[in-house]
Amino acid sequence: MSDQANLKGYYYVRVGEDGTADGVDLYRQQGNVHTKIIDGLPGRAATNLICA
């Protein structure tokens, strides 16, 4: 969220890619261009987590 209408770009986290190799990646968007900044470890988001 911003109080400015004209943003020069922003960062976001993307979770998931193809089901088995889902990672957690950091992107920067500037206009219609999305650039991956950090490529998270494959399979991190696809892991079956058990919460107690």
PDB file of N, CA and C in Angstrom:
ATOM      1  N   MET A   1       0.837  -1.148   0.000  1.00  0.00           N
ATOM      2  CA  MET A   1       0.000   0.000   0.000  1.00  0.00           C
ATOM      3  C   MET A   1       0.893   1.226   0.000  1.00  0.00           C
ATOM      4  N   SER A   2       0.475   2.268  -0.707  1.00  0.00           N
ATOM      5  CA  SER A   2       1.262   3.484  -0.791  1.00  0.00           C
ATOM      6  C   SER A   2       0.350   4.700  -0.847  1.00  0.00           C
ATOM      7  N   ASP A   3       0.875   5.814  -0.407  1.00  0.00           N
ATOM      8  CA  ASP A   3       0.109   7.052  -0.514  1.00  0.00           C
ATOM      9  C   ASP A   3       0.496   7.824  -1.784  1.00  0.00           C
ATOM     10  N   GLN A   4       1.310   7.183  -2.651  1.00  0.00           N
ATOM     11  CA  GLN A   4       1.705   7.794  -3.905  1.00  0.00           C
ATOM     12  C   GLN A   4       1.104   7.021  -5.068  1.00  0.00           C
ATOM     13  N   ALA A   5       0.575   7.745  -6.052  1.00  0.00           N
ATOM     14  CA  ALA A   5      -0.058   7.099  -7.200  1.00  0.00           C
ATOM     15  C   ALA A   5       0.965   6.561  -8.202  1.00  0.00           C
ATOM     16  N   ASN A   6       2.128   7.187  -8.312  1.00  0.00           N
ATOM     17  CA  ASN A   6       3.114   6.810  -9.299  1.00  0.00           C
ATOM     18  C   ASN A   6       4.289   6.092  -8.632  1.00  0.00           C
ATOM     19  N   LEU A   7       4.179   4.793  -8.503  1.00  0.00           N
ATOM     20  CA  LEU A   7       5.245   3.997  -7.892  1.00  0.00           C
ATOM     21  C   LEU A   7       6.311   3.675  -8.934  1.00  0.00           C
ATOM     22  N   LYS A   8       7.562   3.661  -8.520  1.00  0.00           N
ATOM     23  CA  LYS A   8       8.661   3.348  -9.437  1.00  0.00           C
ATOM     24  C   LYS A   8       8.971   1.861  -9.450  1.00  0.00           C
ATOM     25  N   GLY A   9       8.341   1.111  -8.637  1.00  0.00           N
ATOM     26  CA  GLY A   9       8.559  -0.323  -8.566  1.00  0.00           C
ATOM     27  C   GLY A   9       8.267  -0.813  -7.163  1.00  0.00           C
ATOM     28  N   TYR A  10       8.043  -2.105  -7.036  1.00  0.00           N
ATOM     29  CA  TYR A  10       7.812  -2.665  -5.716  1.00  0.00           C
ATOM     30  C   TYR A  10       8.287  -4.100  -5.679  1.00  0.00           C
ATOM     31  N   TYR A  11       8.403  -4.641  -4.473  1.00  0.00           N
ATOM     32  CA  TYR A  11       8.888  -5.994  -4.250  1.00  0.00           C
ATOM     33  C   TYR A  11       7.747  -6.865  -3.754  1.00  0.00           C
ATOM     34  N   TYR A  12       7.790  -8.149  -4.118  1.00  0.00           N
ATOM     35  CA  TYR A  12       6.777  -9.083  -3.627  1.00  0.00           C
ATOM     36  C   TYR A  12       7.371 -10.481  -3.538  1.00  0.00           C
ATOM     37  N   VAL A  13       6.752 -11.326  -2.733  1.00  0.00           N
ATOM     38  CA  VAL A  13       7.172 -12.711  -2.558  1.00  0.00           C
ATOM     39  C   VAL A  13       6.205 -13.595  -3.325  1.00  0.00           C
ATOM     40  N   ARG A  14       6.770 -14.511  -4.091  1.00  0.00           N
ATOM     41  CA  ARG A  14       5.960 -15.464  -4.847  1.00  0.00           C
ATOM     42  C   ARG A  14       6.228 -16.859  -4.283  1.00  0.00           C
ATOM     43  N   VAL A  15       5.161 -17.567  -3.951  1.00  0.00           N
ATOM     44  CA  VAL A  15       5.269 -18.917  -3.397  1.00  0.00           C
ATOM     45  C   VAL A  15       4.682 -19.888  -4.405  1.00  0.00           C
ATOM     46  N   GLY A  16       5.472 -20.872  -4.805  1.00  0.00           N
ATOM     47  CA  GLY A  16       4.980 -21.914  -5.702  1.00  0.00           C
ATOM     48  C   GLY A  16       5.379 -21.686  -7.147  1.00  0.00           C
ATOM     49  N   GLU A  17       5.600 -22.810  -7.855  1.00  0.00           N
ATOM     50  CA  GLU A  17       5.948 -22.755  -9.271  1.00  0.00           C
ATOM     51  C   GLU A  17       5.261 -23.873 -10.041  1.00  0.00           C
ATOM     52  N   ASP A  18       5.603 -25.114  -9.702  1.00  0.00           N
ATOM     53  CA  ASP A  18       5.046 -26.209 -10.499  1.00  0.00           C
ATOM     54  C   ASP A  18       4.561 -27.399  -9.666  1.00  0.00           C
ATOM     55  N   GLY A  19       4.406 -27.230  -8.381  1.00  0.00           N
ATOM     56  CA  GLY A  19       3.868 -28.312  -7.553  1.00  0.00           C
ATOM     57  C   GLY A  19       4.907 -29.048  -6.736  1.00  0.00           C
ATOM     58  N   THR A  20       5.928 -29.632  -7.392  1.00  0.00           N
ATOM     59  CA  THR A  20       6.911 -30.404  -6.634  1.00  0.00           C
ATOM     60  C   THR A  20       8.169 -29.603  -6.318  1.00  0.00           C
ATOM     61  N   ALA A  21       8.459 -28.592  -7.106  1.00  0.00           N
ATOM     62  CA  ALA A  21       9.667 -27.782  -6.891  1.00  0.00           C
ATOM     63  C   ALA A  21       9.319 -26.395  -6.368  1.00  0.00           C
ATOM     64  N   ASP A  22       8.166 -26.276  -5.715  1.00  0.00           N
ATOM     65  CA  ASP A  22       7.715 -24.972  -5.248  1.00  0.00           C
ATOM     66  C   ASP A  22       8.716 -24.329  -4.307  1.00  0.00           C
ATOM     67  N   GLY A  23       9.106 -23.127  -4.648  1.00  0.00           N
ATOM     68  CA  GLY A  23      10.021 -22.370  -3.816  1.00  0.00           C
ATOM     69  C   GLY A  23       9.375 -21.088  -3.336  1.00  0.00           C
ATOM     70  N   VAL A  24      10.107 -20.338  -2.540  1.00  0.00           N
ATOM     71  CA  VAL A  24       9.677 -19.021  -2.070  1.00  0.00           C
ATOM     72  C   VAL A  24      10.683 -18.034  -2.653  1.00  0.00           C
ATOM     73  N   ASP A  25      10.242 -17.206  -3.598  1.00  0.00           N
ATOM     74  CA  ASP A  25      11.133 -16.326  -4.336  1.00  0.00           C
ATOM     75  C   ASP A  25      10.764 -14.865  -4.114  1.00  0.00           C
ATOM     76  N   LEU A  26      11.767 -13.997  -4.214  1.00  0.00           N
ATOM     77  CA  LEU A  26      11.562 -12.557  -4.086  1.00  0.00           C
ATOM     78  C   LEU A  26      11.671 -11.921  -5.464  1.00  0.00           C
ATOM     79  N   TYR A  27      10.679 -11.102  -5.825  1.00  0.00           N
ATOM     80  CA  TYR A  27      10.637 -10.426  -7.117  1.00  0.00           C
ATOM     81  C   TYR A  27      10.552  -8.918  -6.932  1.00  0.00           C
ATOM     82  N   ARG A  28      10.969  -8.218  -7.987  1.00  0.00           N
ATOM     83  CA  ARG A  28      10.765  -6.773  -8.070  1.00  0.00           C
ATOM     84  C   ARG A  28       9.977  -6.517  -9.345  1.00  0.00           C
ATOM     85  N   GLN A  29       8.925  -5.719  -9.241  1.00  0.00           N
ATOM     86  CA  GLN A  29       8.132  -5.353 -10.406  1.00  0.00           C
ATOM     87  C   GLN A  29       8.297  -3.873 -10.674  1.00  0.00           C
ATOM     88  N   GLN A  30       8.583  -3.571 -11.934  1.00  0.00           N
ATOM     89  CA  GLN A  30       8.661  -2.188 -12.376  1.00  0.00           C
ATOM     90  C   GLN A  30       7.867  -2.117 -13.671  1.00  0.00           C
ATOM     91  N   GLY A  31       6.683  -1.501 -13.600  1.00  0.00           N
ATOM     92  CA  GLY A  31       5.775  -1.518 -14.743  1.00  0.00           C
ATOM     93  C   GLY A  31       5.307  -2.938 -14.986  1.00  0.00           C
ATOM     94  N   ASN A  32       5.478  -3.426 -16.229  1.00  0.00           N
ATOM     95  CA  ASN A  32       5.090  -4.799 -16.558  1.00  0.00           C
ATOM     96  C   ASN A  32       6.259  -5.775 -16.485  1.00  0.00           C
ATOM     97  N   VAL A  33       7.413  -5.320 -16.014  1.00  0.00           N
ATOM     98  CA  VAL A  33       8.607  -6.161 -15.937  1.00  0.00           C
ATOM     99  C   VAL A  33       8.750  -6.730 -14.527  1.00  0.00           C
ATOM    100  N   HIS A  34       8.788  -8.071 -14.445  1.00  0.00           N
ATOM    101  CA  HIS A  34       8.956  -8.781 -13.178  1.00  0.00           C
ATOM    102  C   HIS A  34      10.344  -9.410 -13.187  1.00  0.00           C
ATOM    103  N   THR A  35      11.183  -9.064 -12.201  1.00  0.00           N
ATOM    104  CA  THR A  35      12.548  -9.565 -12.130  1.00  0.00           C
ATOM    105  C   THR A  35      12.736 -10.355 -10.836  1.00  0.00           C
ATOM    106  N   LYS A  36      13.191 -11.615 -10.978  1.00  0.00           N
ATOM    107  CA  LYS A  36      13.445 -12.433  -9.793  1.00  0.00           C
ATOM    108  C   LYS A  36      14.751 -11.967  -9.156  1.00  0.00           C
ATOM    109  N   ILE A  37      14.671 -11.577  -7.873  1.00  0.00           N
ATOM    110  CA  ILE A  37      15.824 -11.078  -7.136  1.00  0.00           C
ATOM    111  C   ILE A  37      16.498 -12.216  -6.364  1.00  0.00           C
ATOM    112  N   ILE A  38      15.693 -13.026  -5.698  1.00  0.00           N
ATOM    113  CA  ILE A  38      16.203 -14.164  -4.929  1.00  0.00           C
ATOM    114  C   ILE A  38      15.422 -15.403  -5.342  1.00  0.00           C
ATOM    115  N   ASP A  39      16.151 -16.441  -5.752  1.00  0.00           N
ATOM    116  CA  ASP A  39      15.556 -17.716  -6.138  1.00  0.00           C
ATOM    117  C   ASP A  39      15.650 -18.651  -4.939  1.00  0.00           C
ATOM    118  N   GLY A  40      14.515 -18.849  -4.260  1.00  0.00           N
ATOM    119  CA  GLY A  40      14.506 -19.701  -3.073  1.00  0.00           C
ATOM    120  C   GLY A  40      14.787 -21.154  -3.409  1.00  0.00           C
ATOM    121  N   LEU A  41      15.095 -21.932  -2.389  1.00  0.00           N
ATOM    122  CA  LEU A  41      15.400 -23.345  -2.586  1.00  0.00           C
ATOM    123  C   LEU A  41      14.197 -24.101  -3.126  1.00  0.00           C
ATOM    124  N   PRO A  42      14.373 -24.888  -4.189  1.00  0.00           N
ATOM    125  CA  PRO A  42      13.265 -25.665  -4.746  1.00  0.00           C
ATOM    126  C   PRO A  42      12.710 -26.650  -3.716  1.00  0.00           C
ATOM    127  N   GLY A  43      11.412 -26.788  -3.682  1.00  0.00           N
ATOM    128  CA  GLY A  43      10.760 -27.753  -2.802  1.00  0.00           C
ATOM    129  C   GLY A  43      10.408 -27.245  -1.423  1.00  0.00           C
ATOM    130  N   ARG A  44      10.838 -26.041  -1.070  1.00  0.00           N
ATOM    131  CA  ARG A  44      10.555 -25.504   0.269  1.00  0.00           C
ATOM    132  C   ARG A  44       9.060 -25.331   0.513  1.00  0.00           C
ATOM    133  N   ALA A  45       8.338 -24.831  -0.445  1.00  0.00           N
ATOM    134  CA  ALA A  45       6.901 -24.600  -0.271  1.00  0.00           C
ATOM    135  C   ALA A  45       6.083 -25.853  -0.566  1.00  0.00           C
ATOM    136  N   ALA A  46       6.691 -26.839  -1.226  1.00  0.00           N
ATOM    137  CA  ALA A  46       5.987 -28.063  -1.552  1.00  0.00           C
ATOM    138  C   ALA A  46       6.098 -29.109  -0.462  1.00  0.00           C
ATOM    139  N   THR A  47       6.859 -28.823   0.586  1.00  0.00           N
ATOM    140  CA  THR A  47       7.063 -29.769   1.676  1.00  0.00           C
ATOM    141  C   THR A  47       5.788 -29.909   2.499  1.00  0.00           C
ATOM    142  N   ASN A  48       5.473 -31.120   2.855  1.00  0.00           N
ATOM    143  CA  ASN A  48       4.309 -31.388   3.690  1.00  0.00           C
ATOM    144  C   ASN A  48       4.659 -31.044   5.135  1.00  0.00           C
ATOM    145  N   LEU A  49       4.120 -29.988   5.645  1.00  0.00           N
ATOM    146  CA  LEU A  49       4.411 -29.588   7.021  1.00  0.00           C
ATOM    147  C   LEU A  49       3.351 -30.137   7.972  1.00  0.00           C
ATOM    148  N   ILE A  50       3.794 -30.641   9.103  1.00  0.00           N
ATOM    149  CA  ILE A  50       2.874 -31.149  10.117  1.00  0.00           C
ATOM    150  C   ILE A  50       2.957 -30.223  11.317  1.00  0.00           C
ATOM    151  N   CYS A  51       1.837 -29.633  11.670  1.00  0.00           N
ATOM    152  CA  CYS A  51       1.779 -28.723  12.828  1.00  0.00           C
ATOM    153  C   CYS A  51       1.120 -29.431  13.992  1.00  0.00           C
ATOM    154  N   ALA A  52       1.720 -29.325  15.145  1.00  0.00           N
ATOM    155  CA  ALA A  52       1.166 -29.986  16.338  1.00  0.00           C
ATOM    156  C   ALA A  52       0.246 -29.051  17.069  1.00  0.00           C
TER     157      ALA A  52
END
